[in-house]
Amino acid sequence: MYIGQAESVYVIGDFNDWDPTAHPMKHHVDGAWRVNIPIPHGHHHYMFLVDGKAILDPRSHGIARNERNEKVSLLAVS
């Protein structure tokens, strides 16, 4: 994921109980933010926290709604 001048980026989702500190992403020399997370089969909801602000993944498999009817990114793992 490429995000301009962000100070911090985290992945939050149903796979980490939406914990805002569980999966910090690392900023690489090429400008991308990355993290490897083992995720079980199924459909998962997630978002990115960029400097504390939740954003959708523009490269997600789709958009879904969480239990509060908020838009979240969708990931299908097979």
N, C-alpha and C. Protein backbone atom coordinates (compact mmCIF):
# COMPACT_ATOMS: atom_id res chain seq x y z
N MET A 1 0.84 -1.17 0.00
CA MET A 1 0.00 0.00 0.00
C MET A 1 0.88 1.23 0.00
N TYR A 2 0.56 2.22 -0.82
CA TYR A 2 1.33 3.45 -0.90
C TYR A 2 0.52 4.59 -0.29
N ILE A 3 1.10 5.22 0.72
CA ILE A 3 0.43 6.34 1.39
C ILE A 3 1.46 7.44 1.57
N GLY A 4 1.25 8.56 0.93
CA GLY A 4 2.13 9.72 0.97
C GLY A 4 3.06 9.85 2.16
N GLN A 5 2.82 10.80 2.98
CA GLN A 5 3.70 11.14 4.09
C GLN A 5 3.19 10.64 5.44
N ALA A 6 2.61 9.49 5.48
CA ALA A 6 2.07 8.95 6.74
C ALA A 6 3.19 8.70 7.74
N GLU A 7 2.86 8.89 9.01
CA GLU A 7 3.80 8.59 10.10
C GLU A 7 3.65 7.15 10.57
N SER A 8 2.41 6.64 10.55
CA SER A 8 2.16 5.26 10.98
C SER A 8 0.96 4.69 10.23
N VAL A 9 1.04 3.38 9.97
CA VAL A 9 -0.05 2.67 9.31
C VAL A 9 -0.20 1.32 10.01
N TYR A 10 -1.44 0.98 10.36
CA TYR A 10 -1.76 -0.30 10.99
C TYR A 10 -2.88 -0.95 10.20
N VAL A 11 -2.97 -2.28 10.28
CA VAL A 11 -4.10 -3.02 9.72
C VAL A 11 -4.97 -3.46 10.89
N ILE A 12 -6.25 -3.16 10.81
CA ILE A 12 -7.20 -3.61 11.82
C ILE A 12 -8.28 -4.42 11.11
N GLY A 13 -8.79 -5.44 11.79
CA GLY A 13 -9.83 -6.25 11.15
C GLY A 13 -10.35 -7.32 12.07
N ASP A 14 -11.29 -8.10 11.53
CA ASP A 14 -11.88 -9.17 12.34
C ASP A 14 -10.86 -10.24 12.70
N PHE A 15 -9.76 -10.33 11.96
CA PHE A 15 -8.71 -11.32 12.23
C PHE A 15 -7.82 -10.94 13.41
N ASN A 16 -7.90 -9.68 13.89
CA ASN A 16 -7.13 -9.27 15.08
C ASN A 16 -8.02 -8.53 16.09
N ASP A 17 -9.31 -8.83 16.04
CA ASP A 17 -10.30 -8.21 16.94
C ASP A 17 -10.28 -6.69 16.89
N TRP A 18 -9.95 -6.13 15.72
CA TRP A 18 -9.93 -4.69 15.49
C TRP A 18 -8.97 -3.97 16.45
N ASP A 19 -7.91 -4.66 16.83
CA ASP A 19 -6.90 -4.10 17.74
C ASP A 19 -6.03 -3.10 16.97
N PRO A 20 -6.07 -1.82 17.34
CA PRO A 20 -5.35 -0.80 16.58
C PRO A 20 -3.83 -0.85 16.73
N THR A 21 -3.30 -1.76 17.54
CA THR A 21 -1.84 -1.87 17.67
C THR A 21 -1.32 -3.25 17.31
N ALA A 22 -2.18 -4.18 16.93
CA ALA A 22 -1.78 -5.57 16.70
C ALA A 22 -0.86 -5.74 15.49
N HIS A 23 -1.11 -5.01 14.42
CA HIS A 23 -0.35 -5.22 13.19
C HIS A 23 0.15 -3.90 12.58
N PRO A 24 1.24 -3.36 13.14
CA PRO A 24 1.82 -2.17 12.52
C PRO A 24 2.47 -2.55 11.18
N MET A 25 2.33 -1.67 10.22
CA MET A 25 2.95 -1.90 8.92
C MET A 25 4.31 -1.21 8.89
N LYS A 26 5.22 -1.76 8.11
CA LYS A 26 6.56 -1.21 8.01
C LYS A 26 6.69 -0.42 6.71
N HIS A 27 7.27 0.77 6.81
CA HIS A 27 7.48 1.62 5.64
C HIS A 27 8.77 1.20 4.96
N HIS A 28 8.71 0.86 3.69
CA HIS A 28 9.86 0.38 2.94
C HIS A 28 10.45 1.49 2.07
N VAL A 29 11.65 1.27 1.62
CA VAL A 29 12.38 2.26 0.82
C VAL A 29 11.63 2.63 -0.45
N ASP A 30 10.89 1.68 -1.02
CA ASP A 30 10.15 1.96 -2.25
C ASP A 30 8.88 2.79 -2.01
N GLY A 31 8.62 3.15 -0.75
CA GLY A 31 7.46 3.97 -0.43
C GLY A 31 6.25 3.18 0.02
N ALA A 32 6.29 1.85 -0.10
CA ALA A 32 5.14 1.01 0.26
C ALA A 32 5.16 0.70 1.75
N TRP A 33 3.97 0.51 2.30
CA TRP A 33 3.79 0.03 3.67
C TRP A 33 3.35 -1.42 3.56
N ARG A 34 4.03 -2.32 4.33
CA ARG A 34 3.71 -3.75 4.24
C ARG A 34 3.74 -4.41 5.61
N VAL A 35 2.97 -5.50 5.71
CA VAL A 35 3.00 -6.38 6.87
C VAL A 35 2.49 -7.74 6.39
N ASN A 36 3.05 -8.81 6.93
CA ASN A 36 2.58 -10.16 6.63
C ASN A 36 1.77 -10.66 7.82
N ILE A 37 0.55 -11.10 7.53
CA ILE A 37 -0.35 -11.57 8.57
C ILE A 37 -0.95 -12.90 8.13
N PRO A 38 -0.77 -13.97 8.92
CA PRO A 38 -1.45 -15.22 8.56
C PRO A 38 -2.95 -15.09 8.83
N ILE A 39 -3.76 -15.29 7.80
CA ILE A 39 -5.21 -15.12 7.92
C ILE A 39 -5.89 -16.41 7.47
N PRO A 40 -6.83 -16.92 8.27
CA PRO A 40 -7.51 -18.18 7.90
C PRO A 40 -8.45 -18.00 6.70
N HIS A 41 -8.84 -19.14 6.12
CA HIS A 41 -9.78 -19.13 4.99
C HIS A 41 -11.07 -18.41 5.39
N GLY A 42 -11.69 -17.81 4.39
CA GLY A 42 -12.98 -17.17 4.61
C GLY A 42 -12.97 -15.73 4.14
N HIS A 43 -14.05 -15.03 4.45
CA HIS A 43 -14.19 -13.61 4.12
C HIS A 43 -13.90 -12.80 5.38
N HIS A 44 -13.08 -11.77 5.23
CA HIS A 44 -12.67 -10.97 6.37
C HIS A 44 -12.89 -9.49 6.10
N HIS A 45 -13.27 -8.78 7.15
CA HIS A 45 -13.43 -7.33 7.10
C HIS A 45 -12.20 -6.68 7.71
N TYR A 46 -11.75 -5.58 7.11
CA TYR A 46 -10.58 -4.89 7.62
C TYR A 46 -10.54 -3.44 7.14
N MET A 47 -9.64 -2.68 7.72
CA MET A 47 -9.37 -1.29 7.33
C MET A 47 -7.92 -0.99 7.65
N PHE A 48 -7.45 0.14 7.15
CA PHE A 48 -6.14 0.64 7.53
C PHE A 48 -6.33 1.81 8.48
N LEU A 49 -5.45 1.94 9.45
CA LEU A 49 -5.40 3.13 10.30
C LEU A 49 -4.17 3.91 9.86
N VAL A 50 -4.38 5.05 9.25
CA VAL A 50 -3.29 5.89 8.77
C VAL A 50 -3.24 7.12 9.66
N ASP A 51 -2.17 7.20 10.44
CA ASP A 51 -2.04 8.29 11.42
C ASP A 51 -3.31 8.43 12.26
N GLY A 52 -3.88 7.28 12.65
CA GLY A 52 -5.05 7.26 13.51
C GLY A 52 -6.39 7.37 12.80
N LYS A 53 -6.39 7.58 11.49
CA LYS A 53 -7.64 7.74 10.74
C LYS A 53 -7.92 6.46 9.95
N ALA A 54 -9.11 5.89 10.11
CA ALA A 54 -9.50 4.68 9.40
C ALA A 54 -9.78 4.98 7.94
N ILE A 55 -9.18 4.18 7.04
CA ILE A 55 -9.44 4.32 5.61
C ILE A 55 -9.66 2.95 4.99
N LEU A 56 -10.43 2.92 3.90
CA LEU A 56 -10.65 1.69 3.16
C LEU A 56 -9.44 1.39 2.28
N ASP A 57 -9.27 0.12 1.94
CA ASP A 57 -8.21 -0.32 1.04
C ASP A 57 -8.69 -0.18 -0.39
N PRO A 58 -8.06 0.69 -1.19
CA PRO A 58 -8.51 0.84 -2.58
C PRO A 58 -8.27 -0.41 -3.43
N ARG A 59 -7.49 -1.36 -2.93
CA ARG A 59 -7.21 -2.59 -3.67
C ARG A 59 -7.90 -3.81 -3.06
N SER A 60 -8.90 -3.59 -2.23
CA SER A 60 -9.59 -4.71 -1.58
C SER A 60 -10.40 -5.51 -2.59
N HIS A 61 -10.86 -6.67 -2.17
CA HIS A 61 -11.70 -7.51 -3.02
C HIS A 61 -13.12 -6.98 -3.10
N GLY A 62 -13.45 -6.02 -2.27
CA GLY A 62 -14.78 -5.44 -2.26
C GLY A 62 -15.00 -4.61 -1.01
N ILE A 63 -16.21 -4.10 -0.87
CA ILE A 63 -16.58 -3.31 0.30
C ILE A 63 -17.79 -3.98 0.93
N ALA A 64 -17.76 -4.07 2.25
CA ALA A 64 -18.87 -4.66 3.01
C ALA A 64 -19.29 -3.66 4.08
N ARG A 65 -20.24 -4.05 4.90
CA ARG A 65 -20.70 -3.24 6.02
C ARG A 65 -20.46 -4.02 7.31
N ASN A 66 -19.97 -3.34 8.34
CA ASN A 66 -19.78 -4.02 9.62
C ASN A 66 -21.07 -3.95 10.43
N GLU A 67 -21.02 -4.43 11.68
CA GLU A 67 -22.23 -4.49 12.51
C GLU A 67 -22.79 -3.11 12.84
N ARG A 68 -21.98 -2.04 12.66
CA ARG A 68 -22.47 -0.67 12.88
C ARG A 68 -22.83 0.02 11.58
N ASN A 69 -22.95 -0.79 10.50
CA ASN A 69 -23.32 -0.33 9.17
C ASN A 69 -22.28 0.63 8.57
N GLU A 70 -21.03 0.53 9.01
CA GLU A 70 -19.95 1.33 8.45
C GLU A 70 -19.29 0.54 7.32
N LYS A 71 -18.81 1.23 6.31
CA LYS A 71 -18.11 0.57 5.22
C LYS A 71 -16.75 0.07 5.71
N VAL A 72 -16.42 -1.18 5.29
CA VAL A 72 -15.13 -1.79 5.59
C VAL A 72 -14.65 -2.49 4.33
N SER A 73 -13.35 -2.69 4.24
CA SER A 73 -12.78 -3.43 3.11
C SER A 73 -13.04 -4.91 3.31
N LEU A 74 -13.13 -5.64 2.20
CA LEU A 74 -13.42 -7.07 2.22
C LEU A 74 -12.26 -7.83 1.60
N LEU A 75 -11.85 -8.90 2.28
CA LEU A 75 -10.79 -9.78 1.80
C LEU A 75 -11.31 -11.20 1.78
N ALA A 76 -11.17 -11.87 0.64
CA ALA A 76 -11.57 -13.28 0.52
C ALA A 76 -10.29 -14.12 0.48
N VAL A 77 -10.15 -15.04 1.43
CA VAL A 77 -8.97 -15.91 1.50
C VAL A 77 -9.43 -17.34 1.22
N SER A 78 -8.80 -17.97 0.22
CA SER A 78 -9.18 -19.36 -0.10
C SER A 78 -8.01 -20.30 0.09
